[in-house]
Amino acid sequence: MKDFIKYIQQFAPLNAQQIEIIESKGTEIELKKGGYFIEEGKVLKQVGFVLEGIFRIYYFNQKGEEITKIFIEENHLLYNLKNIPSKEYIQAITNCKLLVFSNRDWEEISDIIVEWKTIIQTITNRSLIQKLEKVSPLVSQDATTRYLEFIQKYPTLVNRIPLSYIASYLGITQQSLSRIRKNLY
């Protein structure tokens, strides 16, 4: 919980009463490697904050191929307050610890803490910018350059997640990724 409070306070100060409200609503859970935070077609009924571990967001394209869209690591929120079925899967690719809030509790926090919506909007905007910075260059680069940029942008992930997920994220086969890695090292 302390990590979450510290994270939120980067965006706005919280008083003791506000912190107490937040702490009363959150629950820490563990999700084993391979477990799902949400699956396609289901409605996400909670907000999660990643305390430890790595998630990937992926979907299946029209050919039935699994496409990794993005990786989510520590100190990031996982949520969809629109109350609509997810079009993607959010899967733990390492053992993970999360702080979770029901959507109802999240809304109550928002009703009580006046600045909450602004804080969350700032976090969302920042995350979107970071996501675009990580994804946008990948579209127009060759596979080796994409891999080198992946290493630069996700330095803590390379040795923590399976190569098949990295290959999927980069839009190449695992064999191609192995060749690239062999040529680089």
Protein backbone atom coordinates (compact mmCIF):
# COMPACT_ATOMS: atom_id res chain seq x y z
CA MET A 1 0.00 0.00 0.00
CA LYS A 2 2.86 2.38 0.81
CA ASP A 3 4.16 2.04 -2.77
CA PHE A 4 0.78 3.04 -4.16
CA ILE A 5 0.43 6.04 -1.85
CA LYS A 6 3.97 7.14 -2.74
CA TYR A 7 3.14 6.73 -6.43
CA ILE A 8 -0.08 8.78 -6.17
CA GLN A 9 1.68 11.51 -4.20
CA GLN A 10 3.97 12.14 -7.15
CA PHE A 11 0.94 13.73 -8.78
CA ALA A 12 -0.75 15.44 -5.83
CA PRO A 13 -0.26 15.59 -2.07
CA LEU A 14 -2.64 13.57 0.09
CA ASN A 15 -3.54 14.30 3.69
CA ALA A 16 -3.72 11.64 6.42
CA GLN A 17 -7.50 11.28 6.11
CA GLN A 18 -7.32 10.76 2.34
CA ILE A 19 -4.57 8.17 2.76
CA GLU A 20 -6.68 6.37 5.35
CA ILE A 21 -9.63 6.25 2.93
CA ILE A 22 -7.47 4.81 0.15
CA GLU A 23 -5.91 2.25 2.51
CA SER A 24 -9.34 1.11 3.69
CA LYS A 25 -10.42 0.31 0.12
CA GLY A 26 -7.42 -1.53 -1.30
CA THR A 27 -6.58 -5.22 -0.97
CA GLU A 28 -3.27 -6.82 -1.81
CA ILE A 29 -3.46 -9.99 -3.91
CA GLU A 30 -1.03 -12.32 -5.64
CA LEU A 31 -1.42 -13.62 -9.17
CA LYS A 32 0.71 -16.57 -10.24
CA LYS A 33 2.66 -16.62 -13.48
CA GLY A 34 0.22 -17.41 -16.30
CA GLY A 35 -2.81 -16.13 -14.38
CA TYR A 36 -5.16 -13.54 -15.84
CA PHE A 37 -6.14 -10.16 -14.47
CA ILE A 38 -8.79 -10.06 -17.21
CA GLU A 39 -9.67 -12.19 -20.21
CA GLU A 40 -11.22 -11.18 -23.51
CA GLY A 41 -14.98 -10.90 -23.36
CA LYS A 42 -15.15 -10.34 -19.61
CA VAL A 43 -15.87 -7.05 -17.85
CA LEU A 44 -13.09 -5.82 -15.57
CA LYS A 45 -14.64 -5.15 -12.18
CA GLN A 46 -11.54 -3.91 -10.40
CA VAL A 47 -8.62 -1.52 -10.66
CA GLY A 48 -5.17 -2.93 -10.09
CA PHE A 49 -1.84 -1.35 -9.24
CA VAL A 50 1.19 -3.53 -10.00
CA LEU A 51 3.39 -3.80 -6.90
CA GLU A 52 5.65 -6.59 -8.20
CA GLY A 53 5.89 -8.46 -11.47
CA ILE A 54 5.16 -8.06 -15.14
CA PHE A 55 1.94 -8.33 -17.13
CA ARG A 56 1.42 -8.39 -20.85
CA ILE A 57 -1.59 -7.19 -22.73
CA TYR A 58 -2.30 -9.29 -25.78
CA TYR A 59 -5.00 -10.20 -28.28
CA PHE A 60 -5.52 -12.55 -31.21
CA ASN A 61 -5.50 -11.10 -34.72
CA GLN A 62 -7.84 -12.19 -37.53
CA LYS A 63 -5.49 -15.07 -38.39
CA GLY A 64 -5.65 -16.35 -34.83
CA GLU A 65 -2.09 -15.27 -34.07
CA GLU A 66 -1.32 -14.07 -30.56
CA ILE A 67 -0.08 -10.46 -30.61
CA THR A 68 1.56 -8.91 -27.54
CA LYS A 69 0.52 -5.27 -27.45
CA ILE A 70 2.47 -3.99 -24.44
CA PHE A 71 4.16 -4.99 -21.21
CA ILE A 72 3.10 -3.53 -17.86
CA GLU A 73 5.58 -3.56 -15.01
CA GLU A 74 5.69 -2.28 -11.46
CA ASN A 75 4.06 1.05 -10.54
CA HIS A 76 1.41 0.99 -13.25
CA LEU A 77 -2.38 0.89 -13.08
CA LEU A 78 -4.55 -1.73 -14.77
CA TYR A 79 -8.14 -0.59 -15.22
CA ASN A 80 -11.13 -0.11 -17.48
CA LEU A 81 -13.94 1.80 -15.81
CA LYS A 82 -16.14 1.77 -18.94
CA ASN A 83 -17.89 -1.43 -17.79
CA ILE A 84 -17.64 -3.05 -21.23
CA PRO A 85 -16.20 -6.45 -22.17
CA SER A 86 -12.44 -6.46 -22.68
CA LYS A 87 -11.09 -7.00 -26.17
CA GLU A 88 -7.73 -8.10 -24.76
CA TYR A 89 -6.15 -10.37 -22.21
CA ILE A 90 -4.02 -9.08 -19.33
CA GLN A 91 -1.81 -11.96 -18.23
CA ALA A 92 0.81 -12.23 -15.49
CA ILE A 93 4.06 -13.38 -17.10
CA THR A 94 5.84 -13.51 -13.77
CA ASN A 95 4.45 -14.06 -10.29
CA CYS A 96 2.77 -10.75 -9.46
CA LYS A 97 1.56 -8.79 -6.47
CA LEU A 98 -1.20 -6.27 -6.98
CA LEU A 99 -3.11 -3.78 -4.96
CA VAL A 100 -6.74 -4.04 -6.13
CA PHE A 101 -9.80 -1.87 -5.65
CA SER A 102 -13.31 -2.81 -6.73
CA ASN A 103 -14.68 -0.39 -9.32
CA ARG A 104 -17.26 0.67 -6.72
CA ASP A 105 -14.55 1.46 -4.12
CA TRP A 106 -12.54 3.30 -6.78
CA GLU A 107 -15.57 5.47 -7.53
CA GLU A 108 -16.11 6.11 -3.80
CA ILE A 109 -12.52 7.30 -3.50
CA SER A 110 -13.20 9.60 -6.45
CA ASP A 111 -16.35 10.95 -4.77
CA ILE A 112 -14.52 11.64 -1.50
CA ILE A 113 -11.15 12.94 -2.75
CA VAL A 114 -11.91 15.91 -4.96
CA GLU A 115 -8.56 15.78 -6.81
CA TRP A 116 -8.79 12.03 -7.53
CA LYS A 117 -10.13 12.27 -11.09
CA THR A 118 -7.47 14.84 -11.97
CA ILE A 119 -4.73 12.65 -10.46
CA ILE A 120 -5.92 9.59 -12.39
CA GLN A 121 -6.28 11.59 -15.62
CA THR A 122 -2.69 12.83 -15.22
CA ILE A 123 -1.49 9.26 -14.63
CA THR A 124 -3.47 8.02 -17.65
CA ASN A 125 -2.05 10.76 -19.90
CA ARG A 126 1.48 10.03 -18.73
CA SER A 127 1.01 6.29 -19.34
CA LEU A 128 -0.38 6.93 -22.81
CA ILE A 129 2.59 9.10 -23.74
CA GLN A 130 5.01 6.45 -22.43
CA LYS A 131 3.15 3.74 -24.37
CA LEU A 132 3.28 5.77 -27.59
CA GLU A 133 6.99 6.43 -27.11
CA LYS A 134 7.57 2.69 -26.76
CA VAL A 135 5.32 1.54 -29.62
CA SER A 136 5.43 4.24 -32.33
CA PRO A 137 9.03 3.76 -33.51
CA LEU A 138 8.53 -0.01 -33.82
CA VAL A 139 6.30 0.36 -36.85
CA SER A 140 8.91 1.68 -39.28
CA GLN A 141 12.10 -0.07 -38.14
CA ASP A 142 13.84 -3.28 -39.09
CA ALA A 143 13.73 -6.16 -36.60
CA THR A 144 17.24 -5.66 -35.19
CA THR A 145 16.60 -1.98 -34.52
CA ARG A 146 13.24 -2.81 -32.92
CA TYR A 147 14.93 -5.32 -30.61
CA LEU A 148 17.69 -2.86 -29.65
CA GLU A 149 15.06 -0.20 -28.90
CA PHE A 150 13.07 -2.74 -26.88
CA ILE A 151 16.17 -3.40 -24.74
CA GLN A 152 16.65 0.33 -24.29
CA LYS A 153 13.01 1.04 -23.40
CA TYR A 154 12.42 -2.07 -21.27
CA PRO A 155 15.87 -2.75 -19.76
CA THR A 156 14.49 -4.63 -16.77
CA LEU A 157 12.29 -6.96 -18.83
CA VAL A 158 14.69 -8.68 -21.22
CA ASN A 159 15.81 -11.34 -18.75
CA ARG A 160 12.47 -11.61 -16.92
CA ILE A 161 10.08 -12.63 -19.70
CA PRO A 162 9.99 -15.39 -22.34
CA LEU A 163 11.50 -14.61 -25.73
CA SER A 164 8.26 -15.69 -27.41
CA TYR A 165 6.47 -12.71 -25.83
CA ILE A 166 9.22 -10.32 -26.89
CA ALA A 167 9.07 -11.70 -30.45
CA SER A 168 5.29 -11.29 -30.50
CA TYR A 169 5.62 -7.70 -29.27
CA LEU A 170 8.23 -6.93 -31.95
CA GLY A 171 6.12 -8.54 -34.69
CA ILE A 172 8.69 -11.20 -35.58
CA THR A 173 9.06 -14.94 -35.10
CA GLN A 174 10.92 -16.38 -32.16
CA GLN A 175 13.45 -17.88 -34.59
CA SER A 176 14.14 -14.43 -36.05
CA LEU A 177 14.61 -13.03 -32.56
CA SER A 178 17.05 -15.83 -31.72
CA ARG A 179 19.05 -15.05 -34.89
CA ILE A 180 19.12 -11.33 -34.02
CA ARG A 181 20.29 -12.05 -30.48
CA LYS A 182 22.96 -14.46 -31.78
CA ASN A 183 24.28 -11.84 -34.22
CA LEU A 184 24.38 -9.15 -31.51
CA TYR A 185 26.08 -11.18 -28.81
